[in-house]
Amino acid sequence: MYGSVANKLSSPEAKNEINGDEATFAGCNISAVAYSAFTKASYANAWRMNVAITGGTGFVGSILTDRLLAEGHEIRVLTRNKEYKKNGVDSYVGDLLDESFDVGGFVEDVDILYNCCGELTDESKMKPLHVDGTKKLLHASVSTIGRWVQLSSVGVYGCNRSGSVSETSPELPIGEYERTKAESDHLVVSSEIPSVLLRPSIVFGEGMSNQSLHQFIQAIQNGRFFYIGKEGATLNYVHVDDVIKAMILCGTADCAIGNSFNFSDSIQIEQLVRAFCTSRTNKKVRRLPEIPVRMLTALIGWTGVIPLTKSRIDALTGRCVYDSSKIQEQLGFTFESTLEEQFQSFACKNKK
């Protein structure tokens, strides 16, 4: 049976020992106490958890690993890298794509499993990893882990050009990544393991492998960027630090279990451009009509003469937002700063 630290945290004795407060938090029984115990180093020895992380060497997973290590928890990471070493981390070398790989030792006696693994580029590996790999982990995890936190994606809702997308919106995944992520989510939810789904939009921050934001900054600062269509297009992003904070809440709050949470912040494209402008590039940005730009892209976009595609134009002209009020209301999550402030900081740190 898994190490039931979460049960200890929810006991009256634990409440009294930590802060003597029997009150609820954001309508959720002792979630504030659980989060405090999980994240404050002064309680790390008393409430040390066994945490397993897949994708622990990736962008989000590596930052989550460092954060939980700093709080004094026992961390194990599943990795394909035989050379991976990090002080305080038990590395389990193996590949979920390998049918012969036994994951039993990795999930044994675990309080929380954070499933952060994902294949972003090779479509031939997406179903084997996201679906078959999840099945393998789930089969081995029954009765051995206390909670499963699934890092998913708002992409499972498909391509939405306008309106607000909530957790009750229909799932209409389009690409192979989104379809296999949705299937993985369904496997987790239908299992016997207590689980939580976190579905962020585009995650950004220091160390991200996706170069789109770096290219965006360069285009703006070099005067090559132009708006497309009417004012007010909306982009959806979330900073990696906020994702880590939300994941920890999903792993500790009692009322998180059995729920999915959309997780995103939004910003109008004019605000984003302002955040990325420097004093020497703070000049008027051109605006071109949408229909001619789409027509030109359809005619010559394939040549590479213009750096635009249909999907990129869709992203730069959309007005859809992903509603994150559920995680704010039920788990008490708060964003520490605005997206504009976070993008300004990101641009400053990535000056060429």
Protein backbone atom coordinates (compact mmCIF):
# COMPACT_ATOMS: atom_id res chain seq x y z
CA MET A 1 0.00 0.00 0.00
CA TYR A 2 1.21 3.50 -0.85
CA GLY A 3 2.59 5.83 1.81
CA SER A 4 -0.55 7.68 2.89
CA VAL A 5 0.94 11.07 3.74
CA ALA A 6 -2.13 12.76 2.28
CA ASN A 7 -4.29 10.97 4.84
CA LYS A 8 -2.00 12.21 7.63
CA LEU A 9 -2.33 15.74 6.35
CA SER A 10 -6.13 15.59 6.44
CA SER A 11 -6.31 14.33 10.03
CA PRO A 12 -7.40 16.66 12.88
CA GLU A 13 -4.08 15.98 14.58
CA ALA A 14 -2.15 17.21 11.55
CA LYS A 15 -4.21 20.38 11.38
CA ASN A 16 -3.59 21.18 15.01
CA GLU A 17 0.10 20.32 14.75
CA ILE A 18 0.70 22.57 11.77
CA ASN A 19 -1.27 25.67 12.62
CA GLY A 20 -4.15 24.80 14.93
CA ASP A 21 -6.63 25.91 12.31
CA GLU A 22 -9.73 23.78 11.67
CA ALA A 23 -11.14 26.10 9.02
CA THR A 24 -11.67 25.19 5.40
CA PHE A 25 -9.85 26.95 2.56
CA ALA A 26 -11.61 28.00 -0.66
CA GLY A 27 -14.39 25.56 0.22
CA CYS A 28 -11.93 22.68 0.26
CA ASN A 29 -11.18 20.73 3.41
CA ILE A 30 -7.68 21.67 4.70
CA SER A 31 -6.21 22.28 1.26
CA ALA A 32 -4.36 25.33 2.60
CA VAL A 33 -2.89 23.22 5.40
CA ALA A 34 -1.92 20.45 2.99
CA TYR A 35 -0.30 22.89 0.60
CA SER A 36 1.58 24.58 3.46
CA ALA A 37 2.86 21.25 4.74
CA PHE A 38 3.89 20.22 1.26
CA THR A 39 5.75 23.40 0.37
CA LYS A 40 7.28 24.71 3.59
CA ALA A 41 10.74 23.36 4.30
CA SER A 42 10.18 23.60 8.05
CA TYR A 43 7.67 20.75 7.79
CA ALA A 44 9.52 18.77 5.14
CA ASN A 45 10.95 16.20 7.52
CA ALA A 46 7.60 15.64 9.25
CA TRP A 47 5.60 15.44 6.03
CA ARG A 48 8.08 14.07 3.53
CA MET A 49 6.28 12.51 0.57
CA ASN A 50 7.35 9.89 -1.92
CA VAL A 51 6.86 11.56 -5.30
CA ALA A 52 7.33 9.91 -8.70
CA ILE A 53 7.68 12.05 -11.83
CA THR A 54 7.55 10.93 -15.45
CA GLY A 55 8.99 13.45 -17.88
CA GLY A 56 11.15 14.68 -15.02
CA THR A 57 13.95 15.77 -17.36
CA GLY A 58 11.64 17.84 -19.59
CA PHE A 59 10.81 21.54 -19.35
CA VAL A 60 7.99 21.36 -16.78
CA GLY A 61 9.08 18.11 -15.12
CA SER A 62 12.62 19.27 -14.38
CA ILE A 63 11.41 22.46 -12.68
CA LEU A 64 8.84 20.46 -10.69
CA THR A 65 11.61 18.07 -9.63
CA ASP A 66 13.82 20.93 -8.42
CA ARG A 67 10.95 22.57 -6.55
CA LEU A 68 9.95 19.40 -4.70
CA LEU A 69 13.56 18.52 -3.94
CA ALA A 70 14.03 21.93 -2.36
CA GLU A 71 11.05 21.21 -0.11
CA GLY A 72 12.65 18.01 1.16
CA HIS A 73 10.53 15.33 -0.50
CA GLU A 74 11.71 11.95 -1.75
CA ILE A 75 11.81 12.19 -5.54
CA ARG A 76 12.12 9.49 -8.16
CA VAL A 77 12.32 10.28 -11.87
CA LEU A 78 11.70 7.97 -14.82
CA THR A 79 14.17 8.76 -17.59
CA ARG A 80 15.62 7.21 -20.75
CA ASN A 81 18.92 8.98 -20.11
CA LYS A 82 21.41 6.56 -18.56
CA GLU A 83 23.66 9.51 -17.71
CA TYR A 84 21.01 11.41 -15.76
CA LYS A 85 22.12 12.21 -12.23
CA LYS A 86 20.77 14.74 -9.76
CA ASN A 87 21.58 14.89 -6.08
CA GLY A 88 18.65 13.69 -4.01
CA VAL A 89 16.83 12.06 -6.94
CA ASP A 90 16.39 8.33 -7.46
CA SER A 91 16.61 7.85 -11.22
CA TYR A 92 14.82 4.91 -12.82
CA VAL A 93 16.28 4.34 -16.26
CA GLY A 94 13.76 2.97 -18.70
CA ASP A 95 11.51 3.74 -21.65
CA LEU A 96 7.73 3.53 -21.56
CA LEU A 97 7.90 2.71 -25.26
CA ASP A 98 9.78 -0.49 -24.38
CA GLU A 99 7.21 -3.25 -23.84
CA SER A 100 9.68 -5.25 -21.76
CA PHE A 101 10.35 -2.43 -19.31
CA ASP A 102 8.89 -3.14 -15.86
CA VAL A 103 7.65 0.04 -14.13
CA GLY A 104 6.70 -1.72 -10.90
CA GLY A 105 9.66 -0.45 -8.89
CA PHE A 106 9.12 3.11 -10.08
CA VAL A 107 5.53 3.33 -8.77
CA GLU A 108 5.94 1.26 -5.61
CA ASP A 109 4.91 3.00 -2.36
CA VAL A 110 4.32 6.41 -3.99
CA ASP A 111 2.18 9.18 -2.49
CA ILE A 112 1.87 11.25 -5.68
CA LEU A 113 2.71 10.43 -9.28
CA TYR A 114 3.05 13.41 -11.60
CA ASN A 115 2.69 12.27 -15.20
CA CYS A 116 4.53 14.97 -17.18
CA CYS A 117 5.81 12.88 -20.09
CA GLY A 118 4.87 13.85 -23.61
CA GLU A 119 6.03 13.50 -27.20
CA LEU A 120 5.73 16.83 -29.01
CA THR A 121 7.25 16.21 -32.45
CA ASP A 122 7.29 12.56 -33.56
CA GLU A 123 3.69 11.55 -34.28
CA SER A 124 4.63 7.88 -34.60
CA LYS A 125 5.57 7.85 -30.91
CA MET A 126 2.60 9.79 -29.54
CA LYS A 127 0.09 6.95 -29.21
CA PRO A 128 2.66 4.43 -27.89
CA LEU A 129 3.81 6.92 -25.23
CA HIS A 130 0.63 8.80 -24.31
CA VAL A 131 -1.78 5.87 -24.52
CA ASP A 132 0.12 2.59 -24.23
CA GLY A 133 2.62 4.08 -21.76
CA THR A 134 -0.22 5.39 -19.62
CA LYS A 135 -1.90 1.98 -19.64
CA LYS A 136 1.33 0.38 -18.46
CA LEU A 137 1.77 2.87 -15.63
CA LEU A 138 -1.86 2.63 -14.55
CA HIS A 139 -1.77 -1.16 -14.46
CA ALA A 140 1.29 -1.10 -12.21
CA SER A 141 0.00 1.75 -10.02
CA VAL A 142 -3.26 0.30 -8.73
CA SER A 143 -3.03 0.09 -4.90
CA THR A 144 0.55 1.37 -4.95
CA ILE A 145 0.11 5.16 -5.32
CA GLY A 146 -2.03 7.64 -3.45
CA ARG A 147 -2.77 10.11 -6.23
CA TRP A 148 -2.12 10.59 -9.93
CA VAL A 149 -1.72 14.15 -11.28
CA GLN A 150 -1.95 14.23 -15.07
CA LEU A 151 -0.35 17.09 -17.00
CA SER A 152 -2.60 17.37 -20.03
CA SER A 153 -3.39 20.20 -22.47
CA VAL A 154 -6.23 22.52 -23.46
CA GLY A 155 -5.56 21.19 -26.94
CA VAL A 156 -8.01 18.37 -26.16
CA TYR A 157 -10.82 20.89 -26.77
CA GLY A 158 -9.76 21.37 -30.37
CA CYS A 159 -9.34 24.60 -32.33
CA ASN A 160 -11.51 27.31 -30.80
CA ARG A 161 -11.42 30.71 -32.48
CA SER A 162 -13.68 32.61 -30.09
CA GLY A 163 -15.65 32.35 -26.87
CA SER A 164 -14.71 30.86 -23.51
CA VAL A 165 -13.68 27.23 -23.05
CA SER A 166 -14.42 25.64 -19.68
CA GLU A 167 -14.04 22.15 -18.24
CA THR A 168 -17.57 21.34 -19.45
CA SER A 169 -16.80 22.26 -23.07
CA PRO A 170 -16.81 19.34 -25.55
CA GLU A 171 -13.52 17.64 -26.34
CA LEU A 172 -12.81 17.90 -30.07
CA PRO A 173 -9.08 17.16 -30.47
CA ILE A 174 -7.71 17.55 -33.97
CA GLY A 175 -4.01 16.61 -34.15
CA GLU A 176 -2.38 13.35 -33.12
CA TYR A 177 -0.85 14.94 -30.02
CA GLU A 178 -4.20 16.28 -28.85
CA ARG A 179 -6.11 13.07 -29.66
CA THR A 180 -3.66 10.84 -27.80
CA LYS A 181 -3.52 13.22 -24.84
CA ALA A 182 -7.31 13.12 -24.59
CA GLU A 183 -7.28 9.33 -24.75
CA SER A 184 -4.63 9.22 -22.03
CA ASP A 185 -6.78 11.50 -19.85
CA HIS A 186 -9.78 9.21 -20.26
CA LEU A 187 -7.73 6.19 -19.22
CA VAL A 188 -6.59 7.97 -16.06
CA VAL A 189 -10.08 9.19 -15.12
CA SER A 190 -11.64 5.75 -15.64
CA SER A 191 -9.01 3.99 -13.52
CA GLU A 192 -9.35 3.07 -9.85
CA ILE A 193 -6.62 5.53 -8.88
CA PRO A 194 -7.53 8.92 -7.32
CA SER A 195 -6.61 11.39 -10.02
CA VAL A 196 -6.53 15.04 -11.08
CA LEU A 197 -6.18 16.48 -14.59
CA LEU A 198 -4.41 19.80 -15.15
CA ARG A 199 -4.84 21.22 -18.64
CA PRO A 200 -2.59 24.23 -19.29
CA SER A 201 -2.42 26.30 -22.45
CA ILE A 202 1.01 27.21 -23.89
CA VAL A 203 3.58 27.02 -21.10
CA PHE A 204 6.51 29.43 -21.28
CA GLY A 205 9.51 30.37 -19.18
CA GLU A 206 13.27 30.08 -18.94
CA GLY A 207 14.54 26.82 -20.43
CA MET A 208 11.62 26.21 -22.80
CA SER A 209 12.59 24.29 -25.91
CA ASN A 210 9.90 25.88 -28.12
CA GLN A 211 11.50 28.78 -29.94
CA SER A 212 8.28 30.52 -31.05
CA LEU A 213 8.43 33.23 -28.39
CA HIS A 214 12.10 33.92 -29.08
CA GLN A 215 11.25 34.30 -32.77
CA PHE A 216 8.31 36.54 -31.87
CA ILE A 217 10.56 38.83 -29.82
CA GLN A 218 13.13 39.02 -32.63
CA ALA A 219 10.47 39.82 -35.23
CA ILE A 220 9.08 42.66 -33.09
CA GLN A 221 12.47 44.10 -32.22
CA ASN A 222 13.65 43.87 -35.83
CA GLY A 223 10.53 45.64 -37.11
CA ARG A 224 9.34 42.62 -39.10
CA PHE A 225 6.16 41.94 -37.11
CA PHE A 226 2.74 43.24 -38.16
CA TYR A 227 -0.75 42.84 -36.74
CA ILE A 228 -3.31 40.90 -38.73
CA GLY A 229 -6.95 41.96 -38.75
CA LYS A 230 -8.88 43.89 -36.13
CA GLU A 231 -7.60 44.91 -32.71
CA GLY A 232 -8.18 42.73 -29.66
CA ALA A 233 -6.94 39.30 -30.76
CA THR A 234 -6.26 37.18 -27.67
CA LEU A 235 -3.37 34.83 -26.95
CA ASN A 236 -3.35 32.17 -24.23
CA TYR A 237 -0.22 31.41 -22.22
CA VAL A 238 0.76 30.44 -18.69
CA HIS A 239 4.13 30.78 -16.97
CA VAL A 240 5.88 27.59 -15.91
CA ASP A 241 6.16 28.80 -12.30
CA ASP A 242 2.38 29.09 -12.15
CA VAL A 243 2.05 25.60 -13.63
CA ILE A 244 4.30 24.18 -10.89
CA LYS A 245 2.26 25.94 -8.22
CA ALA A 246 -0.97 24.57 -9.71
CA MET A 247 0.44 21.04 -9.96
CA ILE A 248 1.40 21.06 -6.29
CA LEU A 249 -2.11 22.20 -5.38
CA CYS A 250 -3.55 19.41 -7.52
CA GLY A 251 -1.35 16.97 -5.63
CA THR A 252 -2.29 18.14 -2.15
CA ALA A 253 -5.83 19.50 -2.07
CA ASP A 254 -8.43 16.92 -0.99
CA CYS A 255 -11.16 18.37 -3.20
CA ALA A 256 -8.95 18.31 -6.29
CA ILE A 257 -9.41 14.55 -6.65
CA GLY A 258 -11.76 13.56 -9.44
CA ASN A 259 -11.56 16.97 -11.13
CA SER A 260 -10.05 18.42 -14.26
CA PHE A 261 -8.80 22.01 -14.27
CA ASN A 262 -8.21 24.24 -17.26
CA PHE A 263 -5.22 26.44 -16.60
CA SER A 264 -4.38 29.53 -18.61
CA ASP A 265 -4.08 33.27 -18.59
CA SER A 266 -4.83 35.47 -21.58
CA ILE A 267 -3.42 38.66 -23.06
CA GLN A 268 -4.37 40.82 -26.01
CA ILE A 269 -1.77 40.78 -28.73
CA GLU A 270 -1.23 44.53 -28.45
CA GLN A 271 -0.25 44.08 -24.79
CA LEU A 272 2.11 41.27 -25.72
CA VAL A 273 3.83 43.38 -28.35
CA ARG A 274 4.15 46.22 -25.85
CA ALA A 275 5.74 43.83 -23.35
CA PHE A 276 8.29 42.69 -25.94
CA CYS A 277 9.17 46.16 -27.23
CA THR A 278 12.35 47.86 -26.07
CA SER A 279 12.94 51.60 -25.98
CA ARG A 280 14.61 51.48 -29.39
CA THR A 281 11.87 49.38 -30.97
CA ASN A 282 8.89 51.09 -29.34
CA LYS A 283 7.40 52.36 -32.59
CA LYS A 284 4.11 51.95 -34.37
CA VAL A 285 3.47 48.41 -35.60
CA ARG A 286 1.79 47.98 -38.97
CA ARG A 287 -1.63 46.34 -39.24
CA LEU A 288 -2.73 44.43 -42.35
CA PRO A 289 -6.24 43.22 -43.23
CA GLU A 290 -6.84 39.56 -42.43
CA ILE A 291 -8.43 38.29 -45.64
CA PRO A 292 -5.64 39.45 -48.03
CA VAL A 293 -3.00 38.04 -45.68
CA ARG A 294 -4.79 34.68 -45.65
CA MET A 295 -5.06 34.68 -49.44
CA LEU A 296 -1.40 35.53 -49.90
CA THR A 297 -0.37 32.84 -47.41
CA ALA A 298 -2.49 30.26 -49.25
CA LEU A 299 -0.80 31.19 -52.54
CA ILE A 300 2.87 31.46 -51.58
CA GLY A 301 3.12 30.41 -47.95
CA TRP A 302 4.52 27.04 -48.96
CA THR A 303 7.57 28.73 -50.50
CA GLY A 304 8.79 30.09 -47.17
CA VAL A 305 8.97 33.62 -48.57
CA ILE A 306 6.62 34.79 -45.83
CA PRO A 307 6.88 33.32 -42.28
CA LEU A 308 3.18 32.59 -42.02
CA THR A 309 0.97 29.51 -42.03
CA LYS A 310 -2.78 29.09 -41.63
CA SER A 311 -2.37 27.90 -38.05
CA ARG A 312 -0.11 30.84 -37.21
CA ILE A 313 -2.63 33.31 -38.63
CA ASP A 314 -5.37 31.58 -36.64
CA ALA A 315 -3.29 32.00 -33.48
CA LEU A 316 -2.64 35.70 -34.15
CA THR A 317 -6.29 36.53 -34.86
CA GLY A 318 -8.23 34.33 -32.41
CA ARG A 319 -10.41 35.57 -29.57
CA CYS A 320 -10.81 32.41 -27.51
CA VAL A 321 -9.98 32.27 -23.79
CA TYR A 322 -9.66 29.27 -21.48
CA ASP A 323 -11.59 29.77 -18.27
CA SER A 324 -9.41 29.12 -15.21
CA SER A 325 -11.95 30.19 -12.61
CA LYS A 326 -12.53 26.62 -11.38
CA ILE A 327 -8.98 26.11 -10.07
CA GLN A 328 -9.03 29.61 -8.59
CA GLU A 329 -12.34 29.10 -6.78
CA GLN A 330 -11.96 25.47 -5.70
CA LEU A 331 -8.24 25.32 -4.92
CA GLY A 332 -7.59 28.97 -4.12
CA PHE A 333 -5.03 29.43 -6.90
CA THR A 334 -3.87 32.98 -7.62
CA PHE A 335 -1.58 34.31 -10.32
CA GLU A 336 1.27 36.23 -8.69
CA SER A 337 1.68 38.64 -11.61
CA THR A 338 0.08 39.51 -14.94
CA LEU A 339 1.08 37.94 -18.23
CA GLU A 340 2.30 41.32 -19.46
CA GLU A 341 4.66 41.58 -16.48
CA GLN A 342 5.86 38.00 -16.99
CA PHE A 343 6.47 38.59 -20.70
CA GLN A 344 8.41 41.78 -19.95
CA SER A 345 10.64 39.81 -17.60
CA PHE A 346 11.01 37.01 -20.16
CA ALA A 347 12.03 39.47 -22.88
CA CYS A 348 14.59 41.16 -20.61
CA LYS A 349 16.18 37.82 -19.77
CA ASN A 350 16.35 36.81 -23.42
CA LYS A 351 17.85 39.91 -24.99
CA LYS A 352 20.24 39.15 -27.84
